[in-house]
Amino acid sequence: MLTLVKNLVIGGIRVPRVSSPLLRFIADKVSLFKWDRHWIATVLTTQVATGTALGIAVQVFLVWVIIGHVMPFFGLELLDMARGVTDFNLPARVGHLFGVGL
């Protein structure tokens, strides 16, 4: 899921409809005016912020859908899974494996 978020952030950073005209505008000018630098920096920063916000929103949505809807559909509840993990008692099993009584 983390890879999905990274891809969304990268996709939000590199929006061709916004980046291409800016790069052409920057390449045409030898020296940019001070006010041009500000709006170009603002647009490029907005792209990064939008990509990051999109990635976080999709991650929250996926967690909400998976935990809230998909897992209960298959009969998997978080509390039951947590009880199963504690009942397994991994530290004691590893201790018995190495001959240490815990």
N, C-alpha and C. Protein backbone atom coordinates (compact mmCIF):
# COMPACT_ATOMS: atom_id res chain seq x y z
N MET A 1 0.83 -1.18 0.00
CA MET A 1 0.00 0.00 0.00
C MET A 1 0.87 1.25 0.00
N LEU A 2 2.04 1.16 0.65
CA LEU A 2 2.94 2.31 0.67
C LEU A 2 3.43 2.64 -0.74
N THR A 3 3.63 1.63 -1.57
CA THR A 3 4.05 1.86 -2.94
C THR A 3 2.98 2.63 -3.71
N LEU A 4 1.73 2.31 -3.45
CA LEU A 4 0.63 3.03 -4.09
C LEU A 4 0.66 4.50 -3.72
N VAL A 5 0.90 4.78 -2.46
CA VAL A 5 0.96 6.17 -2.01
C VAL A 5 2.13 6.89 -2.66
N LYS A 6 3.28 6.23 -2.72
CA LYS A 6 4.44 6.85 -3.38
C LYS A 6 4.14 7.15 -4.84
N ASN A 7 3.50 6.21 -5.53
CA ASN A 7 3.17 6.43 -6.93
C ASN A 7 2.20 7.59 -7.11
N LEU A 8 1.24 7.72 -6.21
CA LEU A 8 0.30 8.83 -6.30
C LEU A 8 0.99 10.17 -6.05
N VAL A 9 1.91 10.19 -5.11
CA VAL A 9 2.64 11.44 -4.86
C VAL A 9 3.48 11.81 -6.07
N ILE A 10 4.17 10.83 -6.64
CA ILE A 10 4.98 11.12 -7.83
C ILE A 10 4.10 11.55 -8.98
N GLY A 11 2.96 10.90 -9.15
CA GLY A 11 2.02 11.29 -10.20
C GLY A 11 1.47 12.68 -9.99
N GLY A 12 1.24 13.05 -8.75
CA GLY A 12 0.76 14.40 -8.47
C GLY A 12 1.83 15.45 -8.68
N ILE A 13 3.08 15.07 -8.49
CA ILE A 13 4.16 16.03 -8.72
C ILE A 13 4.35 16.28 -10.21
N ARG A 14 4.19 15.26 -10.99
CA ARG A 14 4.49 15.36 -12.42
C ARG A 14 3.18 15.34 -13.21
N VAL A 15 2.48 16.46 -13.24
CA VAL A 15 1.27 16.59 -14.03
C VAL A 15 1.67 17.26 -15.35
N PRO A 16 1.60 16.54 -16.47
CA PRO A 16 2.12 17.08 -17.73
C PRO A 16 1.43 18.36 -18.19
N ARG A 17 0.15 18.49 -17.94
CA ARG A 17 -0.55 19.69 -18.41
C ARG A 17 -0.10 20.94 -17.69
N VAL A 18 0.47 20.79 -16.51
CA VAL A 18 0.96 21.94 -15.76
C VAL A 18 2.46 22.11 -15.95
N SER A 19 3.20 21.01 -15.88
CA SER A 19 4.67 21.10 -15.92
C SER A 19 5.20 21.50 -17.29
N SER A 20 4.60 20.98 -18.36
CA SER A 20 5.12 21.27 -19.70
C SER A 20 5.06 22.75 -20.06
N PRO A 21 3.93 23.45 -19.87
CA PRO A 21 3.93 24.89 -20.18
C PRO A 21 4.89 25.67 -19.30
N LEU A 22 5.02 25.27 -18.03
CA LEU A 22 5.96 25.98 -17.16
C LEU A 22 7.39 25.79 -17.63
N LEU A 23 7.73 24.57 -18.02
CA LEU A 23 9.10 24.33 -18.50
C LEU A 23 9.37 25.09 -19.79
N ARG A 24 8.37 25.15 -20.67
CA ARG A 24 8.55 25.94 -21.89
C ARG A 24 8.68 27.42 -21.57
N PHE A 25 7.90 27.90 -20.61
CA PHE A 25 7.97 29.30 -20.21
C PHE A 25 9.33 29.63 -19.61
N ILE A 26 9.85 28.72 -18.80
CA ILE A 26 11.15 28.94 -18.18
C ILE A 26 12.26 28.86 -19.22
N ALA A 27 12.15 27.92 -20.16
CA ALA A 27 13.21 27.74 -21.16
C ALA A 27 13.27 28.91 -22.14
N ASP A 28 12.14 29.56 -22.41
CA ASP A 28 12.12 30.67 -23.36
C ASP A 28 12.79 31.92 -22.79
N LYS A 29 12.78 32.07 -21.51
CA LYS A 29 13.33 33.26 -20.87
C LYS A 29 14.74 32.99 -20.40
N VAL A 30 15.62 33.92 -20.69
CA VAL A 30 16.98 33.80 -20.19
C VAL A 30 17.00 34.15 -18.70
N SER A 31 16.37 35.26 -18.36
CA SER A 31 16.25 35.62 -16.95
C SER A 31 14.77 35.94 -16.68
N LEU A 32 14.27 35.37 -15.63
CA LEU A 32 12.87 35.56 -15.28
C LEU A 32 12.71 36.78 -14.38
N PHE A 33 11.56 37.43 -14.52
CA PHE A 33 11.26 38.52 -13.62
C PHE A 33 10.98 37.96 -12.23
N LYS A 34 11.12 38.81 -11.22
CA LYS A 34 10.93 38.36 -9.85
C LYS A 34 9.51 37.84 -9.62
N TRP A 35 8.48 38.50 -10.17
CA TRP A 35 7.10 38.05 -9.96
C TRP A 35 6.81 36.75 -10.71
N ASP A 36 7.53 36.51 -11.81
CA ASP A 36 7.36 35.23 -12.51
C ASP A 36 7.92 34.07 -11.68
N ARG A 37 9.01 34.32 -10.99
CA ARG A 37 9.58 33.27 -10.15
C ARG A 37 8.61 32.86 -9.05
N HIS A 38 7.91 33.82 -8.48
CA HIS A 38 7.00 33.53 -7.38
C HIS A 38 5.84 32.66 -7.82
N TRP A 39 5.20 33.00 -8.93
CA TRP A 39 4.04 32.21 -9.32
C TRP A 39 4.44 30.84 -9.85
N ILE A 40 5.60 30.74 -10.48
CA ILE A 40 6.08 29.44 -10.94
C ILE A 40 6.39 28.54 -9.74
N ALA A 41 7.05 29.10 -8.74
CA ALA A 41 7.34 28.33 -7.53
C ALA A 41 6.06 27.92 -6.82
N THR A 42 5.08 28.81 -6.81
CA THR A 42 3.80 28.49 -6.18
C THR A 42 3.10 27.34 -6.89
N VAL A 43 3.09 27.37 -8.22
CA VAL A 43 2.43 26.31 -8.99
C VAL A 43 3.15 24.97 -8.79
N LEU A 44 4.47 24.98 -8.82
CA LEU A 44 5.21 23.73 -8.63
C LEU A 44 5.05 23.19 -7.21
N THR A 45 5.00 24.06 -6.21
CA THR A 45 4.78 23.62 -4.84
C THR A 45 3.36 23.09 -4.66
N THR A 46 2.40 23.71 -5.31
CA THR A 46 1.02 23.23 -5.24
C THR A 46 0.91 21.83 -5.83
N GLN A 47 1.67 21.55 -6.88
CA GLN A 47 1.66 20.20 -7.45
C GLN A 47 2.13 19.17 -6.43
N VAL A 48 3.21 19.46 -5.73
CA VAL A 48 3.73 18.53 -4.73
C VAL A 48 2.73 18.34 -3.60
N ALA A 49 2.14 19.44 -3.12
CA ALA A 49 1.17 19.36 -2.03
C ALA A 49 -0.07 18.59 -2.46
N THR A 50 -0.52 18.79 -3.69
CA THR A 50 -1.69 18.07 -4.19
C THR A 50 -1.40 16.57 -4.31
N GLY A 51 -0.24 16.23 -4.81
CA GLY A 51 0.13 14.82 -4.92
C GLY A 51 0.22 14.15 -3.56
N THR A 52 0.78 14.85 -2.59
CA THR A 52 0.88 14.30 -1.25
C THR A 52 -0.49 14.15 -0.61
N ALA A 53 -1.34 15.15 -0.75
CA ALA A 53 -2.69 15.07 -0.19
C ALA A 53 -3.48 13.95 -0.85
N LEU A 54 -3.32 13.79 -2.15
CA LEU A 54 -4.01 12.70 -2.86
C LEU A 54 -3.53 11.34 -2.35
N GLY A 55 -2.24 11.20 -2.16
CA GLY A 55 -1.71 9.94 -1.64
C GLY A 55 -2.21 9.61 -0.25
N ILE A 56 -2.25 10.60 0.63
CA ILE A 56 -2.75 10.38 1.98
C ILE A 56 -4.24 10.06 1.97
N ALA A 57 -5.01 10.77 1.14
CA ALA A 57 -6.45 10.53 1.07
C ALA A 57 -6.76 9.13 0.56
N VAL A 58 -6.02 8.67 -0.43
CA VAL A 58 -6.25 7.32 -0.95
C VAL A 58 -5.87 6.28 0.09
N GLN A 59 -4.79 6.51 0.83
CA GLN A 59 -4.40 5.55 1.86
C GLN A 59 -5.46 5.47 2.96
N VAL A 60 -5.98 6.60 3.41
CA VAL A 60 -7.03 6.61 4.43
C VAL A 60 -8.28 5.90 3.90
N PHE A 61 -8.63 6.17 2.66
CA PHE A 61 -9.80 5.53 2.06
C PHE A 61 -9.63 4.01 1.98
N LEU A 62 -8.44 3.57 1.55
CA LEU A 62 -8.21 2.13 1.45
C LEU A 62 -8.26 1.45 2.82
N VAL A 63 -7.68 2.06 3.83
CA VAL A 63 -7.73 1.48 5.17
C VAL A 63 -9.17 1.43 5.66
N TRP A 64 -9.93 2.48 5.41
CA TRP A 64 -11.33 2.51 5.83
C TRP A 64 -12.14 1.42 5.13
N VAL A 65 -11.90 1.27 3.84
CA VAL A 65 -12.65 0.26 3.08
C VAL A 65 -12.24 -1.14 3.50
N ILE A 66 -10.94 -1.39 3.63
CA ILE A 66 -10.48 -2.74 3.95
C ILE A 66 -10.89 -3.14 5.36
N ILE A 67 -10.62 -2.27 6.34
CA ILE A 67 -10.94 -2.62 7.72
C ILE A 67 -12.44 -2.54 7.99
N GLY A 68 -13.11 -1.58 7.40
CA GLY A 68 -14.52 -1.38 7.71
C GLY A 68 -15.48 -2.24 6.91
N HIS A 69 -15.09 -2.65 5.71
CA HIS A 69 -16.04 -3.35 4.84
C HIS A 69 -15.56 -4.71 4.34
N VAL A 70 -14.34 -4.81 3.89
CA VAL A 70 -13.87 -6.06 3.29
C VAL A 70 -13.61 -7.13 4.35
N MET A 71 -12.91 -6.77 5.41
CA MET A 71 -12.61 -7.76 6.45
C MET A 71 -13.87 -8.29 7.13
N PRO A 72 -14.83 -7.45 7.53
CA PRO A 72 -16.06 -8.00 8.12
C PRO A 72 -16.86 -8.85 7.14
N PHE A 73 -16.78 -8.56 5.85
CA PHE A 73 -17.48 -9.37 4.85
C PHE A 73 -16.98 -10.80 4.87
N PHE A 74 -15.67 -10.99 5.10
CA PHE A 74 -15.09 -12.33 5.16
C PHE A 74 -15.08 -12.89 6.58
N GLY A 75 -15.66 -12.19 7.54
CA GLY A 75 -15.73 -12.69 8.91
C GLY A 75 -14.48 -12.41 9.71
N LEU A 76 -13.65 -11.51 9.27
CA LEU A 76 -12.42 -11.17 10.00
C LEU A 76 -12.64 -9.87 10.76
N GLU A 77 -12.52 -9.93 12.06
CA GLU A 77 -12.65 -8.74 12.89
C GLU A 77 -11.30 -8.45 13.54
N LEU A 78 -10.97 -7.19 13.73
CA LEU A 78 -9.67 -6.83 14.30
C LEU A 78 -9.51 -7.34 15.72
N LEU A 79 -10.55 -7.27 16.52
CA LEU A 79 -10.44 -7.73 17.90
C LEU A 79 -10.19 -9.23 17.96
N ASP A 80 -10.87 -9.99 17.12
CA ASP A 80 -10.65 -11.44 17.08
C ASP A 80 -9.22 -11.76 16.62
N MET A 81 -8.72 -11.00 15.66
CA MET A 81 -7.36 -11.22 15.18
C MET A 81 -6.34 -10.90 16.28
N ALA A 82 -6.58 -9.82 17.04
CA ALA A 82 -5.68 -9.46 18.13
C ALA A 82 -5.69 -10.53 19.22
N ARG A 83 -6.86 -11.08 19.52
CA ARG A 83 -6.94 -12.16 20.50
C ARG A 83 -6.17 -13.40 20.02
N GLY A 84 -6.27 -13.70 18.75
CA GLY A 84 -5.54 -14.83 18.20
C GLY A 84 -4.03 -14.65 18.30
N VAL A 85 -3.57 -13.43 18.07
CA VAL A 85 -2.13 -13.15 18.17
C VAL A 85 -1.66 -13.31 19.61
N THR A 86 -2.44 -12.81 20.58
CA THR A 86 -2.02 -12.95 21.97
C THR A 86 -2.13 -14.39 22.45
N ASP A 87 -3.10 -15.14 21.96
CA ASP A 87 -3.22 -16.55 22.34
C ASP A 87 -2.07 -17.39 21.79
N PHE A 88 -1.51 -16.98 20.67
CA PHE A 88 -0.39 -17.70 20.07
C PHE A 88 0.84 -17.63 20.96
N ASN A 89 1.05 -16.50 21.65
CA ASN A 89 2.11 -16.31 22.64
C ASN A 89 3.49 -16.62 22.04
N LEU A 90 3.86 -15.84 21.07
CA LEU A 90 5.13 -16.05 20.36
C LEU A 90 6.36 -15.99 21.25
N PRO A 91 6.47 -15.05 22.21
CA PRO A 91 7.69 -15.04 23.04
C PRO A 91 7.89 -16.34 23.81
N ALA A 92 6.82 -16.92 24.33
CA ALA A 92 6.97 -18.18 25.06
C ALA A 92 7.37 -19.31 24.12
N ARG A 93 6.83 -19.32 22.92
CA ARG A 93 7.18 -20.37 21.97
C ARG A 93 8.65 -20.27 21.55
N VAL A 94 9.12 -19.05 21.33
CA VAL A 94 10.54 -18.87 20.98
C VAL A 94 11.42 -19.26 22.15
N GLY A 95 11.00 -18.91 23.37
CA GLY A 95 11.76 -19.29 24.57
C GLY A 95 11.86 -20.79 24.72
N HIS A 96 10.77 -21.51 24.47
CA HIS A 96 10.79 -22.97 24.57
C HIS A 96 11.65 -23.57 23.46
N LEU A 97 11.69 -22.90 22.32
CA LEU A 97 12.50 -23.38 21.20
C LEU A 97 13.97 -23.36 21.58
N PHE A 98 14.41 -22.34 22.30
CA PHE A 98 15.81 -22.21 22.69
C PHE A 98 16.07 -22.76 24.09
N GLY A 99 15.08 -23.39 24.70
CA GLY A 99 15.29 -24.00 26.00
C GLY A 99 15.25 -23.05 27.15
N VAL A 100 14.70 -21.88 26.97
CA VAL A 100 14.58 -20.90 28.04
C VAL A 100 13.15 -20.91 28.51
N GLY A 101 12.91 -21.16 29.76
CA GLY A 101 11.54 -21.16 30.28
C GLY A 101 11.08 -19.75 30.58
N LEU A 102 10.06 -19.32 29.90
CA LEU A 102 9.52 -17.97 30.15
C LEU A 102 8.24 -18.05 30.93
